[in-house]
Amino acid sequence: MSNDFHKSTYSHDGSHCVEVREGPATLVRDTQNRDQGALSFPAVEWSALLKAAR
């Protein structure tokens, strides 16, 4: 996987985090299990999730 993942700004201690790579498909992975791949969401679904979470 690419290195252009970023952690949430809410991730303080870095031990229990998810990382996100945004683009046409948004990828989400667990920082403790990067080697197990990532979940993929269409960008429009990711935007809807963020909007609903706010």
PDB file of N, CA and C in Angstrom:
ATOM      1  N   MET A   1       0.834  -1.177   0.000  1.00  0.00           N
ATOM      2  CA  MET A   1       0.000   0.000   0.000  1.00  0.00           C
ATOM      3  C   MET A   1       0.878   1.239   0.000  1.00  0.00           C
ATOM      4  N   SER A   2       0.321   2.281  -0.476  1.00  0.00           N
ATOM      5  CA  SER A   2       1.045   3.540  -0.590  1.00  0.00           C
ATOM      6  C   SER A   2       1.302   4.151   0.782  1.00  0.00           C
ATOM      7  N   ASN A   3       2.250   5.077   0.836  1.00  0.00           N
ATOM      8  CA  ASN A   3       2.573   5.753   2.084  1.00  0.00           C
ATOM      9  C   ASN A   3       1.780   7.027   2.291  1.00  0.00           C
ATOM     10  N   ASP A   4       0.801   7.329   1.438  1.00  0.00           N
ATOM     11  CA  ASP A   4       0.068   8.571   1.594  1.00  0.00           C
ATOM     12  C   ASP A   4      -1.172   8.419   2.473  1.00  0.00           C
ATOM     13  N   PHE A   5      -1.101   7.525   3.444  1.00  0.00           N
ATOM     14  CA  PHE A   5      -2.126   7.398   4.468  1.00  0.00           C
ATOM     15  C   PHE A   5      -1.855   8.453   5.534  1.00  0.00           C
ATOM     16  N   HIS A   6      -2.884   8.897   6.211  1.00  0.00           N
ATOM     17  CA  HIS A   6      -2.707   9.814   7.340  1.00  0.00           C
ATOM     18  C   HIS A   6      -3.594   9.380   8.495  1.00  0.00           C
ATOM     19  N   LYS A   7      -3.145   9.704   9.705  1.00  0.00           N
ATOM     20  CA  LYS A   7      -3.898   9.372  10.915  1.00  0.00           C
ATOM     21  C   LYS A   7      -4.893  10.481  11.214  1.00  0.00           C
ATOM     22  N   SER A   8      -5.914  10.127  11.944  1.00  0.00           N
ATOM     23  CA  SER A   8      -6.888  11.091  12.417  1.00  0.00           C
ATOM     24  C   SER A   8      -6.217  12.086  13.352  1.00  0.00           C
ATOM     25  N   THR A   9      -6.688  13.321  13.329  1.00  0.00           N
ATOM     26  CA  THR A   9      -6.185  14.318  14.275  1.00  0.00           C
ATOM     27  C   THR A   9      -6.628  14.005  15.694  1.00  0.00           C
ATOM     28  N   TYR A  10      -7.582  13.086  15.846  1.00  0.00           N
ATOM     29  CA  TYR A  10      -8.042  12.666  17.166  1.00  0.00           C
ATOM     30  C   TYR A  10      -7.172  11.550  17.744  1.00  0.00           C
ATOM     31  N   SER A  11      -6.218  11.057  16.989  1.00  0.00           N
ATOM     32  CA  SER A  11      -5.324   9.995  17.450  1.00  0.00           C
ATOM     33  C   SER A  11      -4.196  10.626  18.253  1.00  0.00           C
ATOM     34  N   HIS A  12      -4.252  10.492  19.565  1.00  0.00           N
ATOM     35  CA  HIS A  12      -3.282  11.177  20.419  1.00  0.00           C
ATOM     36  C   HIS A  12      -2.051  10.338  20.714  1.00  0.00           C
ATOM     37  N   ASP A  13      -2.232   9.165  21.273  1.00  0.00           N
ATOM     38  CA  ASP A  13      -1.069   8.384  21.696  1.00  0.00           C
ATOM     39  C   ASP A  13      -0.523   7.479  20.601  1.00  0.00           C
ATOM     40  N   GLY A  14      -1.260   7.313  19.532  1.00  0.00           N
ATOM     41  CA  GLY A  14      -0.786   6.531  18.411  1.00  0.00           C
ATOM     42  C   GLY A  14      -0.905   5.029  18.557  1.00  0.00           C
ATOM     43  N   SER A  15      -1.488   4.546  19.653  1.00  0.00           N
ATOM     44  CA  SER A  15      -1.528   3.105  19.845  1.00  0.00           C
ATOM     45  C   SER A  15      -2.777   2.438  19.276  1.00  0.00           C
ATOM     46  N   HIS A  16      -3.870   3.148  19.194  1.00  0.00           N
ATOM     47  CA  HIS A  16      -5.127   2.581  18.696  1.00  0.00           C
ATOM     48  C   HIS A  16      -5.699   3.520  17.648  1.00  0.00           C
ATOM     49  N   CYS A  17      -5.152   3.458  16.460  1.00  0.00           N
ATOM     50  CA  CYS A  17      -5.507   4.418  15.424  1.00  0.00           C
ATOM     51  C   CYS A  17      -5.938   3.729  14.136  1.00  0.00           C
ATOM     52  N   VAL A  18      -6.609   4.492  13.325  1.00  0.00           N
ATOM     53  CA  VAL A  18      -6.829   4.089  11.950  1.00  0.00           C
ATOM     54  C   VAL A  18      -6.155   5.126  11.077  1.00  0.00           C
ATOM     55  N   GLU A  19      -5.790   4.716   9.886  1.00  0.00           N
ATOM     56  CA  GLU A  19      -5.205   5.613   8.904  1.00  0.00           C
ATOM     57  C   GLU A  19      -6.112   5.617   7.682  1.00  0.00           C
ATOM     58  N   VAL A  20      -6.124   6.736   6.996  1.00  0.00           N
ATOM     59  CA  VAL A  20      -6.993   6.920   5.840  1.00  0.00           C
ATOM     60  C   VAL A  20      -6.168   7.406   4.655  1.00  0.00           C
ATOM     61  N   ARG A  21      -6.498   6.900   3.483  1.00  0.00           N
ATOM     62  CA  ARG A  21      -5.934   7.413   2.228  1.00  0.00           C
ATOM     63  C   ARG A  21      -7.129   7.815   1.378  1.00  0.00           C
ATOM     64  N   GLU A  22      -7.254   9.104   1.142  1.00  0.00           N
ATOM     65  CA  GLU A  22      -8.404   9.618   0.410  1.00  0.00           C
ATOM     66  C   GLU A  22      -8.078   9.788  -1.071  1.00  0.00           C
ATOM     67  N   GLY A  23      -9.075   9.555  -1.898  1.00  0.00           N
ATOM     68  CA  GLY A  23      -8.956   9.664  -3.346  1.00  0.00           C
ATOM     69  C   GLY A  23     -10.255   9.191  -3.957  1.00  0.00           C
ATOM     70  N   PRO A  24     -10.251   8.722  -5.192  1.00  0.00           N
ATOM     71  CA  PRO A  24     -11.476   8.196  -5.807  1.00  0.00           C
ATOM     72  C   PRO A  24     -12.087   7.078  -4.970  1.00  0.00           C
ATOM     73  N   ALA A  25     -11.221   6.290  -4.353  1.00  0.00           N
ATOM     74  CA  ALA A  25     -11.649   5.298  -3.363  1.00  0.00           C
ATOM     75  C   ALA A  25     -10.915   5.641  -2.082  1.00  0.00           C
ATOM     76  N   THR A  26     -11.625   5.727  -0.974  1.00  0.00           N
ATOM     77  CA  THR A  26     -11.008   6.015   0.313  1.00  0.00           C
ATOM     78  C   THR A  26     -10.656   4.691   0.972  1.00  0.00           C
ATOM     79  N   LEU A  27      -9.398   4.559   1.386  1.00  0.00           N
ATOM     80  CA  LEU A  27      -8.931   3.347   2.051  1.00  0.00           C
ATOM     81  C   LEU A  27      -8.748   3.621   3.530  1.00  0.00           C
ATOM     82  N   VAL A  28      -9.166   2.686   4.365  1.00  0.00           N
ATOM     83  CA  VAL A  28      -9.047   2.812   5.819  1.00  0.00           C
ATOM     84  C   VAL A  28      -8.373   1.550   6.338  1.00  0.00           C
ATOM     85  N   ARG A  29      -7.324   1.736   7.164  1.00  0.00           N
ATOM     86  CA  ARG A  29      -6.623   0.575   7.710  1.00  0.00           C
ATOM     87  C   ARG A  29      -6.281   0.800   9.178  1.00  0.00           C
ATOM     88  N   ASP A  30      -6.052  -0.283   9.872  1.00  0.00           N
ATOM     89  CA  ASP A  30      -5.670  -0.298  11.277  1.00  0.00           C
ATOM     90  C   ASP A  30      -4.156  -0.130  11.363  1.00  0.00           C
ATOM     91  N   THR A  31      -3.690   0.811  12.175  1.00  0.00           N
ATOM     92  CA  THR A  31      -2.246   1.039  12.276  1.00  0.00           C
ATOM     93  C   THR A  31      -1.512  -0.138  12.890  1.00  0.00           C
ATOM     94  N   GLN A  32      -2.197  -0.953  13.692  1.00  0.00           N
ATOM     95  CA  GLN A  32      -1.540  -2.100  14.315  1.00  0.00           C
ATOM     96  C   GLN A  32      -1.525  -3.327  13.402  1.00  0.00           C
ATOM     97  N   ASN A  33      -2.275  -3.270  12.313  1.00  0.00           N
ATOM     98  CA  ASN A  33      -2.355  -4.413  11.396  1.00  0.00           C
ATOM     99  C   ASN A  33      -2.306  -3.957   9.940  1.00  0.00           C
ATOM    100  N   ARG A  34      -1.364  -3.101   9.621  1.00  0.00           N
ATOM    101  CA  ARG A  34      -1.255  -2.555   8.262  1.00  0.00           C
ATOM    102  C   ARG A  34      -1.108  -3.652   7.205  1.00  0.00           C
ATOM    103  N   ASP A  35      -0.431  -4.713   7.567  1.00  0.00           N
ATOM    104  CA  ASP A  35      -0.170  -5.793   6.616  1.00  0.00           C
ATOM    105  C   ASP A  35      -1.425  -6.586   6.254  1.00  0.00           C
ATOM    106  N   GLN A  36      -2.525  -6.360   6.961  1.00  0.00           N
ATOM    107  CA  GLN A  36      -3.753  -7.088   6.669  1.00  0.00           C
ATOM    108  C   GLN A  36      -4.662  -6.351   5.696  1.00  0.00           C
ATOM    109  N   GLY A  37      -4.161  -5.283   5.096  1.00  0.00           N
ATOM    110  CA  GLY A  37      -4.916  -4.588   4.065  1.00  0.00           C
ATOM    111  C   GLY A  37      -5.772  -3.455   4.606  1.00  0.00           C
ATOM    112  N   ALA A  38      -6.681  -2.990   3.759  1.00  0.00           N
ATOM    113  CA  ALA A  38      -7.512  -1.843   4.094  1.00  0.00           C
ATOM    114  C   ALA A  38      -8.919  -2.053   3.561  1.00  0.00           C
ATOM    115  N   LEU A  39      -9.872  -1.382   4.195  1.00  0.00           N
ATOM    116  CA  LEU A  39     -11.234  -1.353   3.684  1.00  0.00           C
ATOM    117  C   LEU A  39     -11.321  -0.240   2.653  1.00  0.00           C
ATOM    118  N   SER A  40     -12.093  -0.453   1.613  1.00  0.00           N
ATOM    119  CA  SER A  40     -12.221   0.528   0.542  1.00  0.00           C
ATOM    120  C   SER A  40     -13.657   1.020   0.450  1.00  0.00           C
ATOM    121  N   PHE A  41     -13.810   2.352   0.348  1.00  0.00           N
ATOM    122  CA  PHE A  41     -15.117   2.977   0.227  1.00  0.00           C
ATOM    123  C   PHE A  41     -15.093   3.964  -0.939  1.00  0.00           C
ATOM    124  N   PRO A  42     -16.172   4.051  -1.723  1.00  0.00           N
ATOM    125  CA  PRO A  42     -16.235   5.111  -2.733  1.00  0.00           C
ATOM    126  C   PRO A  42     -16.136   6.476  -2.035  1.00  0.00           C
ATOM    127  N   ALA A  43     -15.482   7.427  -2.665  1.00  0.00           N
ATOM    128  CA  ALA A  43     -15.269   8.747  -2.066  1.00  0.00           C
ATOM    129  C   ALA A  43     -16.583   9.391  -1.627  1.00  0.00           C
ATOM    130  N   VAL A  44     -17.640   9.223  -2.394  1.00  0.00           N
ATOM    131  CA  VAL A  44     -18.925   9.833  -2.038  1.00  0.00           C
ATOM    132  C   VAL A  44     -19.462   9.246  -0.736  1.00  0.00           C
ATOM    133  N   GLU A  45     -19.250   7.967  -0.492  1.00  0.00           N
ATOM    134  CA  GLU A  45     -19.690   7.354   0.768  1.00  0.00           C
ATOM    135  C   GLU A  45     -18.857   7.858   1.939  1.00  0.00           C
ATOM    136  N   TRP A  46     -17.560   8.019   1.731  1.00  0.00           N
ATOM    137  CA  TRP A  46     -16.687   8.529   2.789  1.00  0.00           C
ATOM    138  C   TRP A  46     -17.096   9.951   3.152  1.00  0.00           C
ATOM    139  N   SER A  47     -17.382  10.780   2.160  1.00  0.00           N
ATOM    140  CA  SER A  47     -17.825  12.154   2.409  1.00  0.00           C
ATOM    141  C   SER A  47     -19.130  12.174   3.192  1.00  0.00           C
ATOM    142  N   ALA A  48     -20.050  11.277   2.852  1.00  0.00           N
ATOM    143  CA  ALA A  48     -21.324  11.207   3.579  1.00  0.00           C
ATOM    144  C   ALA A  48     -21.101  10.799   5.029  1.00  0.00           C
ATOM    145  N   LEU A  49     -20.188   9.864   5.273  1.00  0.00           N
ATOM    146  CA  LEU A  49     -19.877   9.448   6.639  1.00  0.00           C
ATOM    147  C   LEU A  49     -19.322  10.620   7.445  1.00  0.00           C
ATOM    148  N   LEU A  50     -18.372  11.348   6.872  1.00  0.00           N
ATOM    149  CA  LEU A  50     -17.782  12.485   7.591  1.00  0.00           C
ATOM    150  C   LEU A  50     -18.830  13.550   7.868  1.00  0.00           C
ATOM    151  N   LYS A  51     -19.692  13.803   6.905  1.00  0.00           N
ATOM    152  CA  LYS A  51     -20.745  14.806   7.091  1.00  0.00           C
ATOM    153  C   LYS A  51     -21.690  14.381   8.216  1.00  0.00           C
ATOM    154  N   ALA A  52     -22.068  13.105   8.246  1.00  0.00           N
ATOM    155  CA  ALA A  52     -22.966  12.607   9.285  1.00  0.00           C
ATOM    156  C   ALA A  52     -22.294  12.635  10.660  1.00  0.00           C
ATOM    157  N   ALA A  53     -20.990  12.401  10.716  1.00  0.00           N
ATOM    158  CA  ALA A  53     -20.278  12.374  11.983  1.00  0.00           C
ATOM    159  C   ALA A  53     -20.129  13.767  12.595  1.00  0.00           C
ATOM    160  N   ARG A  54     -20.160  14.761  11.753  1.00  0.00           N
ATOM    161  CA  ARG A  54     -20.016  16.141  12.270  1.00  0.00           C
ATOM    162  C   ARG A  54     -21.304  16.552  12.880  1.00  0.00           C
TER     163      ARG A  54
END
